[in-house]
């Protein structure tokens, strides 16, 4: 899961919502499109936050004393 996954989910949701004009009796494709777009935004934001938090931490230096 990452930034790319969030973008893919958002794009698939946008296609379902805005590009398709198909009516299916057992599922509402517009609702599924909105759900996928929201999930894509959430995944994108979580991935971005985790990436920024990982970059802020200073690297931990180890010494030879730690190995003994």
N, C-alpha and C. Protein backbone atom coordinates (compact mmCIF):
# COMPACT_ATOMS: atom_id res chain seq x y z
N UNK A 1 0.86 -1.17 0.00
CA UNK A 1 0.00 0.00 0.00
C UNK A 1 0.90 1.23 0.00
N UNK A 2 0.54 2.14 -0.80
CA UNK A 2 1.35 3.34 -0.85
C UNK A 2 0.65 4.44 -1.60
N UNK A 3 1.45 5.38 -2.00
CA UNK A 3 0.92 6.53 -2.70
C UNK A 3 0.30 6.10 -4.03
N UNK A 4 0.97 5.20 -4.73
CA UNK A 4 0.44 4.71 -6.00
C UNK A 4 -0.88 3.99 -5.85
N UNK A 5 -1.02 3.21 -4.80
CA UNK A 5 -2.28 2.51 -4.55
C UNK A 5 -3.42 3.48 -4.30
N UNK A 6 -3.15 4.53 -3.57
CA UNK A 6 -4.17 5.54 -3.32
C UNK A 6 -4.61 6.23 -4.60
N UNK A 7 -3.64 6.53 -5.46
CA UNK A 7 -3.96 7.17 -6.73
C UNK A 7 -4.78 6.23 -7.62
N UNK A 8 -4.40 4.95 -7.66
CA UNK A 8 -5.13 3.97 -8.47
C UNK A 8 -6.56 3.82 -7.97
N UNK A 9 -6.75 3.73 -6.66
CA UNK A 9 -8.11 3.63 -6.12
C UNK A 9 -8.95 4.86 -6.47
N UNK A 10 -8.34 6.02 -6.38
CA UNK A 10 -9.07 7.24 -6.70
C UNK A 10 -9.46 7.28 -8.18
N UNK A 11 -8.55 6.88 -9.05
CA UNK A 11 -8.82 6.90 -10.49
C UNK A 11 -9.92 5.90 -10.84
N UNK A 12 -9.85 4.70 -10.29
CA UNK A 12 -10.89 3.70 -10.56
C UNK A 12 -12.24 4.19 -10.05
N UNK A 13 -12.27 4.81 -8.89
CA UNK A 13 -13.50 5.36 -8.35
C UNK A 13 -14.05 6.48 -9.22
N UNK A 14 -13.17 7.33 -9.73
CA UNK A 14 -13.61 8.42 -10.61
C UNK A 14 -14.16 7.88 -11.92
N UNK A 15 -13.55 6.82 -12.44
CA UNK A 15 -14.07 6.20 -13.66
C UNK A 15 -15.46 5.63 -13.41
N UNK A 16 -15.61 4.94 -12.29
CA UNK A 16 -16.94 4.37 -11.98
C UNK A 16 -17.99 5.46 -11.79
N UNK A 17 -17.59 6.57 -11.21
CA UNK A 17 -18.55 7.62 -10.91
C UNK A 17 -18.88 8.47 -12.13
N UNK A 18 -17.88 8.90 -12.87
CA UNK A 18 -18.11 9.92 -13.89
C UNK A 18 -18.09 9.39 -15.33
N UNK A 19 -17.39 8.30 -15.60
CA UNK A 19 -17.22 7.87 -16.98
C UNK A 19 -18.20 6.79 -17.40
N UNK A 20 -18.61 5.95 -16.49
CA UNK A 20 -19.51 4.87 -16.86
C UNK A 20 -20.96 5.32 -16.77
N UNK A 21 -21.73 4.85 -17.73
CA UNK A 21 -23.16 5.15 -17.72
C UNK A 21 -23.92 3.83 -17.81
N UNK A 22 -23.61 2.93 -16.87
CA UNK A 22 -24.18 1.58 -16.86
C UNK A 22 -25.03 1.43 -15.61
N UNK A 23 -26.18 0.84 -15.76
CA UNK A 23 -27.04 0.55 -14.62
C UNK A 23 -27.02 -0.95 -14.33
N UNK A 24 -26.64 -1.30 -13.14
CA UNK A 24 -26.62 -2.69 -12.70
C UNK A 24 -27.64 -2.80 -11.57
N UNK A 25 -28.45 -3.84 -11.62
CA UNK A 25 -29.55 -3.94 -10.66
C UNK A 25 -29.08 -4.31 -9.25
N UNK A 26 -27.97 -5.00 -9.11
CA UNK A 26 -27.57 -5.52 -7.81
C UNK A 26 -26.52 -4.67 -7.10
N UNK A 27 -26.02 -3.59 -7.76
CA UNK A 27 -25.02 -2.73 -7.11
C UNK A 27 -25.14 -1.31 -7.68
N UNK A 28 -24.91 -0.34 -6.84
CA UNK A 28 -24.92 1.06 -7.26
C UNK A 28 -23.48 1.47 -7.57
N UNK A 29 -23.15 1.55 -8.86
CA UNK A 29 -21.77 1.84 -9.26
C UNK A 29 -21.34 3.26 -8.87
N UNK A 30 -22.27 4.18 -8.78
CA UNK A 30 -21.92 5.54 -8.37
C UNK A 30 -21.48 5.56 -6.90
N UNK A 31 -22.17 4.81 -6.07
CA UNK A 31 -21.79 4.74 -4.66
C UNK A 31 -20.43 4.05 -4.50
N UNK A 32 -20.22 2.99 -5.25
CA UNK A 32 -18.92 2.30 -5.22
C UNK A 32 -17.81 3.24 -5.68
N UNK A 33 -18.10 4.05 -6.69
CA UNK A 33 -17.12 5.02 -7.15
C UNK A 33 -16.75 6.03 -6.08
N UNK A 34 -17.75 6.55 -5.38
CA UNK A 34 -17.47 7.49 -4.28
C UNK A 34 -16.68 6.82 -3.17
N UNK A 35 -17.03 5.59 -2.83
CA UNK A 35 -16.32 4.87 -1.77
C UNK A 35 -14.86 4.66 -2.15
N UNK A 36 -14.62 4.28 -3.41
CA UNK A 36 -13.24 4.06 -3.85
C UNK A 36 -12.45 5.37 -3.89
N UNK A 37 -13.09 6.45 -4.26
CA UNK A 37 -12.38 7.74 -4.26
C UNK A 37 -12.02 8.17 -2.84
N UNK A 38 -12.93 7.98 -1.90
CA UNK A 38 -12.63 8.32 -0.50
C UNK A 38 -11.53 7.42 0.04
N UNK A 39 -11.60 6.13 -0.27
CA UNK A 39 -10.55 5.21 0.18
C UNK A 39 -9.21 5.57 -0.43
N UNK A 40 -9.21 5.98 -1.68
CA UNK A 40 -7.96 6.39 -2.33
C UNK A 40 -7.34 7.60 -1.67
N UNK A 41 -8.17 8.57 -1.32
CA UNK A 41 -7.65 9.77 -0.64
C UNK A 41 -7.10 9.40 0.74
N UNK A 42 -7.80 8.53 1.46
CA UNK A 42 -7.34 8.12 2.79
C UNK A 42 -6.01 7.38 2.70
N UNK A 43 -5.90 6.44 1.78
CA UNK A 43 -4.65 5.68 1.62
C UNK A 43 -3.52 6.61 1.20
N UNK A 44 -3.79 7.54 0.31
CA UNK A 44 -2.78 8.50 -0.13
C UNK A 44 -2.28 9.35 1.03
N UNK A 45 -3.21 9.88 1.83
CA UNK A 45 -2.81 10.73 2.95
C UNK A 45 -2.05 9.96 4.02
N UNK A 46 -2.50 8.75 4.34
CA UNK A 46 -1.78 7.95 5.34
C UNK A 46 -0.38 7.62 4.86
N UNK A 47 -0.23 7.26 3.59
CA UNK A 47 1.09 6.95 3.04
C UNK A 47 1.99 8.17 3.05
N UNK A 48 1.42 9.33 2.73
CA UNK A 48 2.21 10.55 2.73
C UNK A 48 2.65 10.92 4.14
N UNK A 49 1.77 10.78 5.11
CA UNK A 49 2.12 11.08 6.50
C UNK A 49 3.21 10.14 7.00
N UNK A 50 3.06 8.85 6.70
CA UNK A 50 4.08 7.89 7.14
C UNK A 50 5.42 8.17 6.48
N UNK A 51 5.40 8.58 5.22
CA UNK A 51 6.64 8.91 4.52
C UNK A 51 7.32 10.12 5.15
N UNK A 52 6.55 11.13 5.50
CA UNK A 52 7.12 12.32 6.11
C UNK A 52 7.64 12.05 7.51
N UNK A 53 6.94 11.21 8.28
CA UNK A 53 7.39 10.88 9.63
C UNK A 53 8.69 10.09 9.57
N UNK A 54 8.79 9.18 8.61
CA UNK A 54 10.00 8.38 8.47
C UNK A 54 11.20 9.24 8.11
N UNK A 55 10.99 10.29 7.33
CA UNK A 55 12.10 11.15 6.92
C UNK A 55 12.57 12.08 8.03
N UNK A 56 11.71 12.40 8.99
CA UNK A 56 12.07 13.33 10.06
C UNK A 56 12.96 12.71 11.12
N UNK A 57 12.84 11.40 11.32
CA UNK A 57 13.63 10.77 12.38
C UNK A 57 15.11 10.80 12.04
N UNK A 58 15.92 11.20 12.99
CA UNK A 58 17.36 11.19 12.73
C UNK A 58 17.87 9.75 12.72
N UNK A 59 18.86 9.47 11.92
CA UNK A 59 19.41 8.12 11.90
C UNK A 59 20.09 7.76 13.23
N UNK A 60 19.98 6.54 13.62
CA UNK A 60 20.58 6.08 14.86
C UNK A 60 21.99 5.59 14.57
N UNK A 61 22.94 6.17 15.26
CA UNK A 61 24.34 5.78 15.06
C UNK A 61 24.69 4.68 16.05
N UNK A 62 25.36 3.68 15.57
CA UNK A 62 25.81 2.61 16.47
C UNK A 62 27.31 2.67 16.60
N UNK A 63 27.77 2.25 17.75
CA UNK A 63 29.21 2.22 18.00
C UNK A 63 29.64 0.78 18.21
N UNK A 64 30.91 0.58 18.26
CA UNK A 64 31.44 -0.76 18.50
C UNK A 64 31.15 -1.23 19.91
N UNK A 65 30.94 -0.31 20.84
CA UNK A 65 30.62 -0.69 22.23
C UNK A 65 29.27 -1.39 22.31
N UNK A 66 28.37 -1.06 21.41
CA UNK A 66 27.05 -1.69 21.43
C UNK A 66 27.13 -3.17 21.06
N UNK A 67 28.12 -3.54 20.29
CA UNK A 67 28.25 -4.91 19.82
C UNK A 67 28.81 -5.85 20.90
N UNK A 68 29.48 -5.30 21.88
CA UNK A 68 30.11 -6.15 22.90
C UNK A 68 29.18 -6.58 23.97
